[in-house]
Amino acid sequence: MNKVIQLAVLALLLTGCNQLSDANKSNAKKSSLSFENIPVNYPNTQKDTSVVDDYHGKSVADPYRWLEDDNAETTKNWVVEQNKATFGYLDNIPYRDAIEERLEK
């Protein structure tokens, strides 16, 4: 008798979990947002193939080391161009204003 009750409880729990899962899927479909792709034009990023380090006999290329000098004009120019690409994308997200208003509330 005890095993029958345990099986009945287990069956009810599994059925309830399945119904919750279906409800969550339905809510997810209702709340999903869709939008068209926003084109992004990334800046040209040069690779400096002359920078190679030796770590315990293993040669490791570091083609973007030039970006580590944040005071260099080339790095500053690259950051300006990268920001244009980033904010060009962010500014075109159609629901961004709605999210900002919601967060401010």
PDB file of N, CA and C in Angstrom:
ATOM      1  N   MET A   1       0.826  -1.195   0.000  1.00  0.00           N
ATOM      2  CA  MET A   1       0.000   0.000   0.000  1.00  0.00           C
ATOM      3  C   MET A   1       0.865   1.252   0.000  1.00  0.00           C
ATOM      4  N   ASN A   2       1.935   1.263   0.798  1.00  0.00           N
ATOM      5  CA  ASN A   2       2.827   2.418   0.900  1.00  0.00           C
ATOM      6  C   ASN A   2       3.502   2.706  -0.436  1.00  0.00           C
ATOM      7  N   LYS A   3       3.904   1.654  -1.175  1.00  0.00           N
ATOM      8  CA  LYS A   3       4.542   1.828  -2.469  1.00  0.00           C
ATOM      9  C   LYS A   3       3.568   2.407  -3.483  1.00  0.00           C
ATOM     10  N   VAL A   4       2.307   2.043  -3.390  1.00  0.00           N
ATOM     11  CA  VAL A   4       1.284   2.568  -4.306  1.00  0.00           C
ATOM     12  C   VAL A   4       1.124   4.073  -4.096  1.00  0.00           C
ATOM     13  N   ILE A   5       1.115   4.505  -2.869  1.00  0.00           N
ATOM     14  CA  ILE A   5       0.987   5.938  -2.552  1.00  0.00           C
ATOM     15  C   ILE A   5       2.215   6.692  -3.056  1.00  0.00           C
ATOM     16  N   GLN A   6       3.390   6.112  -2.838  1.00  0.00           N
ATOM     17  CA  GLN A   6       4.613   6.754  -3.314  1.00  0.00           C
ATOM     18  C   GLN A   6       4.614   6.895  -4.830  1.00  0.00           C
ATOM     19  N   LEU A   7       4.193   5.860  -5.537  1.00  0.00           N
ATOM     20  CA  LEU A   7       4.136   5.924  -7.000  1.00  0.00           C
ATOM     21  C   LEU A   7       3.108   6.954  -7.468  1.00  0.00           C
ATOM     22  N   ALA A   8       1.975   7.031  -6.777  1.00  0.00           N
ATOM     23  CA  ALA A   8       0.945   8.004  -7.142  1.00  0.00           C
ATOM     24  C   ALA A   8       1.453   9.425  -6.946  1.00  0.00           C
ATOM     25  N   VAL A   9       2.151   9.682  -5.851  1.00  0.00           N
ATOM     26  CA  VAL A   9       2.715  11.007  -5.585  1.00  0.00           C
ATOM     27  C   VAL A   9       3.758  11.348  -6.636  1.00  0.00           C
ATOM     28  N   LEU A  10       4.600  10.390  -6.963  1.00  0.00           N
ATOM     29  CA  LEU A  10       5.630  10.604  -7.973  1.00  0.00           C
ATOM     30  C   LEU A  10       4.999  10.923  -9.330  1.00  0.00           C
ATOM     31  N   ALA A  11       3.958  10.216  -9.696  1.00  0.00           N
ATOM     32  CA  ALA A  11       3.269  10.459 -10.965  1.00  0.00           C
ATOM     33  C   ALA A  11       2.662  11.857 -10.986  1.00  0.00           C
ATOM     34  N   LEU A  12       2.066  12.276  -9.873  1.00  0.00           N
ATOM     35  CA  LEU A  12       1.482  13.621  -9.805  1.00  0.00           C
ATOM     36  C   LEU A  12       2.561  14.694  -9.922  1.00  0.00           C
ATOM     37  N   LEU A  13       3.684  14.478  -9.268  1.00  0.00           N
ATOM     38  CA  LEU A  13       4.782  15.445  -9.346  1.00  0.00           C
ATOM     39  C   LEU A  13       5.314  15.569 -10.773  1.00  0.00           C
ATOM     40  N   LEU A  14       5.510  14.448 -11.416  1.00  0.00           N
ATOM     41  CA  LEU A  14       6.012  14.468 -12.788  1.00  0.00           C
ATOM     42  C   LEU A  14       5.025  15.140 -13.737  1.00  0.00           C
ATOM     43  N   THR A  15       3.758  14.883 -13.552  1.00  0.00           N
ATOM     44  CA  THR A  15       2.738  15.523 -14.382  1.00  0.00           C
ATOM     45  C   THR A  15       2.730  17.024 -14.150  1.00  0.00           C
ATOM     46  N   GLY A  16       2.834  17.440 -12.905  1.00  0.00           N
ATOM     47  CA  GLY A  16       2.865  18.867 -12.585  1.00  0.00           C
ATOM     48  C   GLY A  16       4.082  19.556 -13.170  1.00  0.00           C
ATOM     49  N   CYS A  17       5.228  18.892 -13.105  1.00  0.00           N
ATOM     50  CA  CYS A  17       6.450  19.470 -13.678  1.00  0.00           C
ATOM     51  C   CYS A  17       6.318  19.635 -15.175  1.00  0.00           C
ATOM     52  N   ASN A  18       5.705  18.673 -15.835  1.00  0.00           N
ATOM     53  CA  ASN A  18       5.529  18.748 -17.278  1.00  0.00           C
ATOM     54  C   ASN A  18       4.615  19.911 -17.643  1.00  0.00           C
ATOM     55  N   GLN A  19       3.550  20.112 -16.880  1.00  0.00           N
ATOM     56  CA  GLN A  19       2.633  21.223 -17.153  1.00  0.00           C
ATOM     57  C   GLN A  19       3.318  22.561 -16.930  1.00  0.00           C
ATOM     58  N   LEU A  20       4.151  22.689 -15.900  1.00  0.00           N
ATOM     59  CA  LEU A  20       4.892  23.922 -15.663  1.00  0.00           C
ATOM     60  C   LEU A  20       5.866  24.188 -16.809  1.00  0.00           C
ATOM     61  N   SER A  21       6.503  23.134 -17.294  1.00  0.00           N
ATOM     62  CA  SER A  21       7.446  23.284 -18.389  1.00  0.00           C
ATOM     63  C   SER A  21       6.729  23.799 -19.638  1.00  0.00           C
ATOM     64  N   ASP A  22       5.554  23.254 -19.940  1.00  0.00           N
ATOM     65  CA  ASP A  22       4.783  23.713 -21.095  1.00  0.00           C
ATOM     66  C   ASP A  22       4.349  25.157 -20.930  1.00  0.00           C
ATOM     67  N   ALA A  23       3.973  25.551 -19.724  1.00  0.00           N
ATOM     68  CA  ALA A  23       3.568  26.933 -19.467  1.00  0.00           C
ATOM     69  C   ALA A  23       4.744  27.879 -19.646  1.00  0.00           C
ATOM     70  N   ASN A  24       5.916  27.489 -19.177  1.00  0.00           N
ATOM     71  CA  ASN A  24       7.113  28.323 -19.341  1.00  0.00           C
ATOM     72  C   ASN A  24       7.474  28.492 -20.804  1.00  0.00           C
ATOM     73  N   LYS A  25       7.354  27.431 -21.588  1.00  0.00           N
ATOM     74  CA  LYS A  25       7.634  27.530 -23.023  1.00  0.00           C
ATOM     75  C   LYS A  25       6.659  28.490 -23.686  1.00  0.00           C
ATOM     76  N   SER A  26       5.406  28.415 -23.308  1.00  0.00           N
ATOM     77  CA  SER A  26       4.397  29.297 -23.890  1.00  0.00           C
ATOM     78  C   SER A  26       4.679  30.749 -23.544  1.00  0.00           C
ATOM     79  N   ASN A  27       5.044  31.024 -22.285  1.00  0.00           N
ATOM     80  CA  ASN A  27       5.363  32.390 -21.871  1.00  0.00           C
ATOM     81  C   ASN A  27       6.616  32.903 -22.558  1.00  0.00           C
ATOM     82  N   ALA A  28       7.587  32.039 -22.776  1.00  0.00           N
ATOM     83  CA  ALA A  28       8.822  32.451 -23.434  1.00  0.00           C
ATOM     84  C   ALA A  28       8.549  32.877 -24.867  1.00  0.00           C
ATOM     85  N   LYS A  29       7.636  32.159 -25.542  1.00  0.00           N
ATOM     86  CA  LYS A  29       7.296  32.514 -26.919  1.00  0.00           C
ATOM     87  C   LYS A  29       6.598  33.874 -26.972  1.00  0.00           C
ATOM     88  N   LYS A  30       5.752  34.156 -25.997  1.00  0.00           N
ATOM     89  CA  LYS A  30       5.014  35.417 -25.972  1.00  0.00           C
ATOM     90  C   LYS A  30       5.932  36.598 -25.698  1.00  0.00           C
ATOM     91  N   SER A  31       6.961  36.413 -24.864  1.00  0.00           N
ATOM     92  CA  SER A  31       7.791  37.533 -24.439  1.00  0.00           C
ATOM     93  C   SER A  31       9.045  37.715 -25.277  1.00  0.00           C
ATOM     94  N   SER A  32       9.297  36.839 -26.253  1.00  0.00           N
ATOM     95  CA  SER A  32      10.527  36.978 -27.028  1.00  0.00           C
ATOM     96  C   SER A  32      10.417  38.160 -27.986  1.00  0.00           C
ATOM     97  N   LEU A  33      11.533  38.850 -28.141  1.00  0.00           N
ATOM     98  CA  LEU A  33      11.598  39.993 -29.035  1.00  0.00           C
ATOM     99  C   LEU A  33      12.359  39.589 -30.275  1.00  0.00           C
ATOM    100  N   SER A  34      11.966  40.170 -31.387  1.00  0.00           N
ATOM    101  CA  SER A  34      12.711  39.906 -32.600  1.00  0.00           C
ATOM    102  C   SER A  34      12.939  41.230 -33.319  1.00  0.00           C
ATOM    103  N   PHE A  35      14.024  41.296 -34.043  1.00  0.00           N
ATOM    104  CA  PHE A  35      14.324  42.487 -34.803  1.00  0.00           C
ATOM    105  C   PHE A  35      15.236  42.100 -35.956  1.00  0.00           C
ATOM    106  N   GLU A  36      15.317  42.978 -36.917  1.00  0.00           N
ATOM    107  CA  GLU A  36      16.165  42.708 -38.067  1.00  0.00           C
ATOM    108  C   GLU A  36      17.630  42.880 -37.677  1.00  0.00           C
ATOM    109  N   ASN A  37      18.485  42.207 -38.418  1.00  0.00           N
ATOM    110  CA  ASN A  37      19.919  42.330 -38.143  1.00  0.00           C
ATOM    111  C   ASN A  37      20.373  43.766 -38.360  1.00  0.00           C
ATOM    112  N   ILE A  38      21.228  44.212 -37.494  1.00  0.00           N
ATOM    113  CA  ILE A  38      21.794  45.555 -37.592  1.00  0.00           C
ATOM    114  C   ILE A  38      23.207  45.400 -38.127  1.00  0.00           C
ATOM    115  N   PRO A  39      23.503  46.000 -39.267  1.00  0.00           N
ATOM    116  CA  PRO A  39      24.851  45.851 -39.812  1.00  0.00           C
ATOM    117  C   PRO A  39      25.890  46.559 -38.951  1.00  0.00           C
ATOM    118  N   VAL A  40      27.054  45.955 -38.836  1.00  0.00           N
ATOM    119  CA  VAL A  40      28.156  46.525 -38.059  1.00  0.00           C
ATOM    120  C   VAL A  40      29.395  46.541 -38.945  1.00  0.00           C
ATOM    121  N   ASN A  41      30.026  47.690 -39.031  1.00  0.00           N
ATOM    122  CA  ASN A  41      31.264  47.812 -39.791  1.00  0.00           C
ATOM    123  C   ASN A  41      32.424  47.966 -38.810  1.00  0.00           C
ATOM    124  N   TYR A  42      33.095  46.862 -38.565  1.00  0.00           N
ATOM    125  CA  TYR A  42      34.206  46.879 -37.628  1.00  0.00           C
ATOM    126  C   TYR A  42      35.413  47.571 -38.246  1.00  0.00           C
ATOM    127  N   PRO A  43      36.224  48.235 -37.426  1.00  0.00           N
ATOM    128  CA  PRO A  43      37.420  48.886 -37.963  1.00  0.00           C
ATOM    129  C   PRO A  43      38.463  47.858 -38.396  1.00  0.00           C
ATOM    130  N   ASN A  44      39.262  48.258 -39.344  1.00  0.00           N
ATOM    131  CA  ASN A  44      40.366  47.401 -39.764  1.00  0.00           C
ATOM    132  C   ASN A  44      41.372  47.335 -38.623  1.00  0.00           C
ATOM    133  N   THR A  45      41.724  46.144 -38.228  1.00  0.00           N
ATOM    134  CA  THR A  45      42.665  45.958 -37.130  1.00  0.00           C
ATOM    135  C   THR A  45      43.919  45.317 -37.683  1.00  0.00           C
ATOM    136  N   GLN A  46      45.000  46.083 -37.689  1.00  0.00           N
ATOM    137  CA  GLN A  46      46.242  45.565 -38.252  1.00  0.00           C
ATOM    138  C   GLN A  46      46.847  44.511 -37.341  1.00  0.00           C
ATOM    139  N   LYS A  47      47.506  43.548 -37.960  1.00  0.00           N
ATOM    140  CA  LYS A  47      48.247  42.521 -37.223  1.00  0.00           C
ATOM    141  C   LYS A  47      49.727  42.783 -37.439  1.00  0.00           C
ATOM    142  N   ASP A  48      50.456  42.861 -36.356  1.00  0.00           N
ATOM    143  CA  ASP A  48      51.892  43.043 -36.419  1.00  0.00           C
ATOM    144  C   ASP A  48      52.537  41.673 -36.226  1.00  0.00           C
ATOM    145  N   THR A  49      52.938  41.054 -37.323  1.00  0.00           N
ATOM    146  CA  THR A  49      53.478  39.694 -37.260  1.00  0.00           C
ATOM    147  C   THR A  49      54.925  39.642 -36.775  1.00  0.00           C
ATOM    148  N   SER A  50      55.505  40.817 -36.547  1.00  0.00           N
ATOM    149  CA  SER A  50      56.910  40.831 -36.114  1.00  0.00           C
ATOM    150  C   SER A  50      57.074  40.604 -34.614  1.00  0.00           C
ATOM    151  N   VAL A  51      56.000  40.670 -33.855  1.00  0.00           N
ATOM    152  CA  VAL A  51      56.101  40.510 -32.402  1.00  0.00           C
ATOM    153  C   VAL A  51      55.904  39.035 -32.043  1.00  0.00           C
ATOM    154  N   VAL A  52      56.979  38.421 -31.567  1.00  0.00           N
ATOM    155  CA  VAL A  52      56.949  37.013 -31.174  1.00  0.00           C
ATOM    156  C   VAL A  52      57.738  36.877 -29.881  1.00  0.00           C
ATOM    157  N   ASP A  53      57.147  36.245 -28.897  1.00  0.00           N
ATOM    158  CA  ASP A  53      57.809  36.003 -27.618  1.00  0.00           C
ATOM    159  C   ASP A  53      58.229  34.543 -27.536  1.00  0.00           C
ATOM    160  N   ASP A  54      59.232  34.294 -26.730  1.00  0.00           N
ATOM    161  CA  ASP A  54      59.703  32.936 -26.511  1.00  0.00           C
ATOM    162  C   ASP A  54      59.394  32.561 -25.062  1.00  0.00           C
ATOM    163  N   TYR A  55      58.544  31.562 -24.892  1.00  0.00           N
ATOM    164  CA  TYR A  55      58.204  31.073 -23.560  1.00  0.00           C
ATOM    165  C   TYR A  55      58.698  29.643 -23.423  1.00  0.00           C
ATOM    166  N   HIS A  56      59.828  29.476 -22.749  1.00  0.00           N
ATOM    167  CA  HIS A  56      60.406  28.158 -22.494  1.00  0.00           C
ATOM    168  C   HIS A  56      60.597  27.370 -23.783  1.00  0.00           C
ATOM    169  N   GLY A  57      61.106  28.058 -24.808  1.00  0.00           N
ATOM    170  CA  GLY A  57      61.375  27.399 -26.076  1.00  0.00           C
ATOM    171  C   GLY A  57      60.201  27.354 -27.024  1.00  0.00           C
ATOM    172  N   LYS A  58      59.064  27.881 -26.620  1.00  0.00           N
ATOM    173  CA  LYS A  58      57.867  27.890 -27.467  1.00  0.00           C
ATOM    174  C   LYS A  58      57.646  29.314 -27.966  1.00  0.00           C
ATOM    175  N   SER A  59      57.607  29.513 -29.283  1.00  0.00           N
ATOM    176  CA  SER A  59      57.372  30.830 -29.872  1.00  0.00           C
ATOM    177  C   SER A  59      55.879  31.126 -29.878  1.00  0.00           C
ATOM    178  N   VAL A  60      55.530  32.296 -29.341  1.00  0.00           N
ATOM    179  CA  VAL A  60      54.129  32.702 -29.263  1.00  0.00           C
ATOM    180  C   VAL A  60      53.988  34.084 -29.898  1.00  0.00           C
ATOM    181  N   ALA A  61      53.218  34.169 -30.972  1.00  0.00           N
ATOM    182  CA  ALA A  61      52.994  35.441 -31.663  1.00  0.00           C
ATOM    183  C   ALA A  61      52.042  36.310 -30.846  1.00  0.00           C
ATOM    184  N   ASP A  62      52.262  37.616 -30.905  1.00  0.00           N
ATOM    185  CA  ASP A  62      51.395  38.577 -30.211  1.00  0.00           C
ATOM    186  C   ASP A  62      51.089  39.721 -31.194  1.00  0.00           C
ATOM    187  N   PRO A  63      50.246  39.451 -32.201  1.00  0.00           N
ATOM    188  CA  PRO A  63      50.038  40.421 -33.274  1.00  0.00           C
ATOM    189  C   PRO A  63      49.281  41.675 -32.863  1.00  0.00           C
ATOM    190  N   TYR A  64      48.669  41.677 -31.701  1.00  0.00           N
ATOM    191  CA  TYR A  64      47.892  42.842 -31.266  1.00  0.00           C
ATOM    192  C   TYR A  64      48.538  43.566 -30.091  1.00  0.00           C
ATOM    193  N   ARG A  65      49.805  43.336 -29.863  1.00  0.00           N
ATOM    194  CA  ARG A  65      50.480  43.993 -28.756  1.00  0.00           C
ATOM    195  C   ARG A  65      50.438  45.520 -28.896  1.00  0.00           C
ATOM    196  N   TRP A  66      50.403  46.007 -30.115  1.00  0.00           N
ATOM    197  CA  TRP A  66      50.376  47.447 -30.330  1.00  0.00           C
ATOM    198  C   TRP A  66      49.158  48.101 -29.670  1.00  0.00           C
ATOM    199  N   LEU A  67      48.104  47.342 -29.434  1.00  0.00           N
ATOM    200  CA  LEU A  67      46.912  47.878 -28.769  1.00  0.00           C
ATOM    201  C   LEU A  67      47.116  48.068 -27.266  1.00  0.00           C
ATOM    202  N   GLU A  68      48.169  47.500 -26.712  1.00  0.00           N
ATOM    203  CA  GLU A  68      48.423  47.625 -25.277  1.00  0.00           C
ATOM    204  C   GLU A  68      48.896  49.028 -24.890  1.00  0.00           C
ATOM    205  N   ASP A  69      49.451  49.762 -25.843  1.00  0.00           N
ATOM    206  CA  ASP A  69      49.899  51.123 -25.562  1.00  0.00           C
ATOM    207  C   ASP A  69      48.728  52.072 -25.783  1.00  0.00           C
ATOM    208  N   ASP A  70      47.983  52.341 -24.710  1.00  0.00           N
ATOM    209  CA  ASP A  70      46.771  53.159 -24.847  1.00  0.00           C
ATOM    210  C   ASP A  70      47.056  54.633 -25.087  1.00  0.00           C
ATOM    211  N   ASN A  71      48.301  55.049 -25.030  1.00  0.00           N
ATOM    212  CA  ASN A  71      48.655  56.436 -25.331  1.00  0.00           C
ATOM    213  C   ASN A  71      49.128  56.628 -26.773  1.00  0.00           C
ATOM    214  N   ALA A  72      49.303  55.542 -27.511  1.00  0.00           N
ATOM    215  CA  ALA A  72      49.753  55.624 -28.900  1.00  0.00           C
ATOM    216  C   ALA A  72      48.613  56.138 -29.778  1.00  0.00           C
ATOM    217  N   GLU A  73      48.953  56.950 -30.760  1.00  0.00           N
ATOM    218  CA  GLU A  73      47.932  57.506 -31.668  1.00  0.00           C
ATOM    219  C   GLU A  73      47.202  56.405 -32.426  1.00  0.00           C
ATOM    220  N   THR A  74      47.925  55.354 -32.817  1.00  0.00           N
ATOM    221  CA  THR A  74      47.268  54.262 -33.555  1.00  0.00           C
ATOM    222  C   THR A  74      46.213  53.579 -32.687  1.00  0.00           C
ATOM    223  N   THR A  75      46.515  53.396 -31.412  1.00  0.00           N
ATOM    224  CA  THR A  75      45.543  52.786 -30.501  1.00  0.00           C
ATOM    225  C   THR A  75      44.354  53.715 -30.275  1.00  0.00           C
ATOM    226  N   LYS A  76      44.619  54.988 -30.059  1.00  0.00           N
ATOM    227  CA  LYS A  76      43.537  55.964 -29.851  1.00  0.00           C
ATOM    228  C   LYS A  76      42.614  56.004 -31.069  1.00  0.00           C
ATOM    229  N   ASN A  77      43.182  56.003 -32.254  1.00  0.00           N
ATOM    230  CA  ASN A  77      42.374  56.022 -33.477  1.00  0.00           C
ATOM    231  C   ASN A  77      41.543  54.751 -33.611  1.00  0.00           C
ATOM    232  N   TRP A  78      42.147  53.610 -33.259  1.00  0.00           N
ATOM    233  CA  TRP A  78      41.423  52.348 -33.329  1.00  0.00           C
ATOM    234  C   TRP A  78      40.247  52.342 -32.346  1.00  0.00           C
ATOM    235  N   VAL A  79      40.458  52.872 -31.156  1.00  0.00           N
ATOM    236  CA  VAL A  79      39.385  52.924 -30.149  1.00  0.00           C
ATOM    237  C   VAL A  79      38.241  53.813 -30.642  1.00  0.00           C
ATOM    238  N   VAL A  80      38.563  54.949 -31.250  1.00  0.00           N
ATOM    239  CA  VAL A  80      37.520  55.832 -31.795  1.00  0.00           C
ATOM    240  C   VAL A  80      36.693  55.078 -32.831  1.00  0.00           C
ATOM    241  N   GLU A  81      37.355  54.378 -33.734  1.00  0.00           N
ATOM    242  CA  GLU A  81      36.646  53.625 -34.773  1.00  0.00           C
ATOM    243  C   GLU A  81      35.837  52.467 -34.180  1.00  0.00           C
ATOM    244  N   GLN A  82      36.388  51.803 -33.181  1.00  0.00           N
ATOM    245  CA  GLN A  82      35.669  50.705 -32.526  1.00  0.00           C
ATOM    246  C   GLN A  82      34.421  51.237 -31.826  1.00  0.00           C
ATOM    247  N   ASN A  83      34.526  52.397 -31.184  1.00  0.00           N
ATOM    248  CA  ASN A  83      33.365  53.005 -30.524  1.00  0.00           C
ATOM    249  C   ASN A  83      32.295  53.391 -31.531  1.00  0.00           C
ATOM    250  N   LYS A  84      32.692  53.851 -32.707  1.00  0.00           N
ATOM    251  CA  LYS A  84      31.709  54.158 -33.757  1.00  0.00           C
ATOM    252  C   LYS A  84      30.924  52.901 -34.124  1.00  0.00           C
ATOM    253  N   ALA A  85      31.627  51.789 -34.271  1.00  0.00           N
ATOM    254  CA  ALA A  85      30.959  50.526 -34.604  1.00  0.00           C
ATOM    255  C   ALA A  85      30.032  50.090 -33.471  1.00  0.00           C
ATOM    256  N   THR A  86      30.525  50.173 -32.235  1.00  0.00           N
ATOM    257  CA  THR A  86      29.737  49.724 -31.086  1.00  0.00           C
ATOM    258  C   THR A  86      28.487  50.565 -30.896  1.00  0.00           C
ATOM    259  N   PHE A  87      28.661  51.877 -30.846  1.00  0.00           N
ATOM    260  CA  PHE A  87      27.505  52.735 -30.594  1.00  0.00           C
ATOM    261  C   PHE A  87      26.599  52.837 -31.808  1.00  0.00           C
ATOM    262  N   GLY A  88      27.151  52.631 -33.004  1.00  0.00           N
ATOM    263  CA  GLY A  88      26.308  52.550 -34.195  1.00  0.00           C
ATOM    264  C   GLY A  88      25.339  51.387 -34.090  1.00  0.00           C
ATOM    265  N   TYR A  89      25.795  50.302 -33.503  1.00  0.00           N
ATOM    266  CA  TYR A  89      24.926  49.143 -33.283  1.00  0.00           C
ATOM    267  C   TYR A  89      23.938  49.416 -32.148  1.00  0.00           C
ATOM    268  N   LEU A  90      24.464  49.834 -31.001  1.00  0.00           N
ATOM    269  CA  LEU A  90      23.610  50.033 -29.826  1.00  0.00           C
ATOM    270  C   LEU A  90      22.521  51.072 -30.069  1.00  0.00           C
ATOM    271  N   ASP A  91      22.845  52.120 -30.788  1.00  0.00           N
ATOM    272  CA  ASP A  91      21.871  53.182 -31.044  1.00  0.00           C
ATOM    273  C   ASP A  91      20.746  52.742 -31.975  1.00  0.00           C
ATOM    274  N   ASN A  92      20.921  51.627 -32.669  1.00  0.00           N
ATOM    275  CA  ASN A  92      19.899  51.143 -33.604  1.00  0.00           C
ATOM    276  C   ASN A  92      19.073  49.986 -33.067  1.00  0.00           C
ATOM    277  N   ILE A  93      19.252  49.627 -31.810  1.00  0.00           N
ATOM    278  CA  ILE A  93      18.423  48.577 -31.213  1.00  0.00           C
ATOM    279  C   ILE A  93      17.039  49.177 -30.981  1.00  0.00           C
ATOM    280  N   PRO A  94      16.004  48.616 -31.620  1.00  0.00           N
ATOM    281  CA  PRO A  94      14.685  49.252 -31.590  1.00  0.00           C
ATOM    282  C   PRO A  94      14.032  49.325 -30.209  1.00  0.00           C
ATOM    283  N   TYR A  95      14.305  48.428 -29.318  1.00  0.00           N
ATOM    284  CA  TYR A  95      13.644  48.409 -28.014  1.00  0.00           C
ATOM    285  C   TYR A  95      14.542  48.930 -26.893  1.00  0.00           C
ATOM    286  N   ARG A  96      15.649  49.559 -27.248  1.00  0.00           N
ATOM    287  CA  ARG A  96      16.589  50.048 -26.239  1.00  0.00           C
ATOM    288  C   ARG A  96      15.969  51.143 -25.363  1.00  0.00           C
ATOM    289  N   ASP A  97      15.224  52.054 -25.954  1.00  0.00           N
ATOM    290  CA  ASP A  97      14.577  53.120 -25.169  1.00  0.00           C
ATOM    291  C   ASP A  97      13.571  52.554 -24.169  1.00  0.00           C
ATOM    292  N   ALA A  98      12.845  51.521 -24.599  1.00  0.00           N
ATOM    293  CA  ALA A  98      11.867  50.900 -23.696  1.00  0.00           C
ATOM    294  C   ALA A  98      12.575  50.247 -22.510  1.00  0.00           C
ATOM    295  N   ILE A  99      13.704  49.631 -22.768  1.00  0.00           N
ATOM    296  CA  ILE A  99      14.461  49.003 -21.669  1.00  0.00           C
ATOM    297  C   ILE A  99      14.968  50.072 -20.719  1.00  0.00           C
ATOM    298  N   GLU A 100      15.480  51.187 -21.259  1.00  0.00           N
ATOM    299  CA  GLU A 100      15.982  52.272 -20.419  1.00  0.00           C
ATOM    300  C   GLU A 100      14.863  52.842 -19.541  1.00  0.00           C
ATOM    301  N   GLU A 101      13.687  53.057 -20.132  1.00  0.00           N
ATOM    302  CA  GLU A 101      12.562  53.576 -19.350  1.00  0.00           C
ATOM    303  C   GLU A 101      12.178  52.608 -18.242  1.00  0.00           C
ATOM    304  N   ARG A 102      12.167  51.347 -18.555  1.00  0.00           N
ATOM    305  CA  ARG A 102      11.791  50.321 -17.562  1.00  0.00           C
ATOM    306  C   ARG A 102      12.815  50.303 -16.417  1.00  0.00           C
ATOM    307  N   LEU A 103      14.086  50.409 -16.753  1.00  0.00           N
ATOM    308  CA  LEU A 103      15.109  50.395 -15.714  1.00  0.00           C
ATOM    309  C   LEU A 103      15.050  51.643 -14.836  1.00  0.00           C
ATOM    310  N   GLU A 104      14.689  52.759 -15.427  1.00  0.00           N
ATOM    311  CA  GLU A 104      14.612  53.983 -14.653  1.00  0.00           C
ATOM    312  C   GLU A 104      13.436  53.977 -13.675  1.00  0.00           C
ATOM    313  N   LYS A 105      12.393  53.217 -13.983  1.00  0.00           N
ATOM    314  CA  LYS A 105      11.260  53.113 -13.069  1.00  0.00           C
ATOM    315  C   LYS A 105      11.680  52.387 -11.816  1.00  0.00           C
TER     316      LYS A 105
END
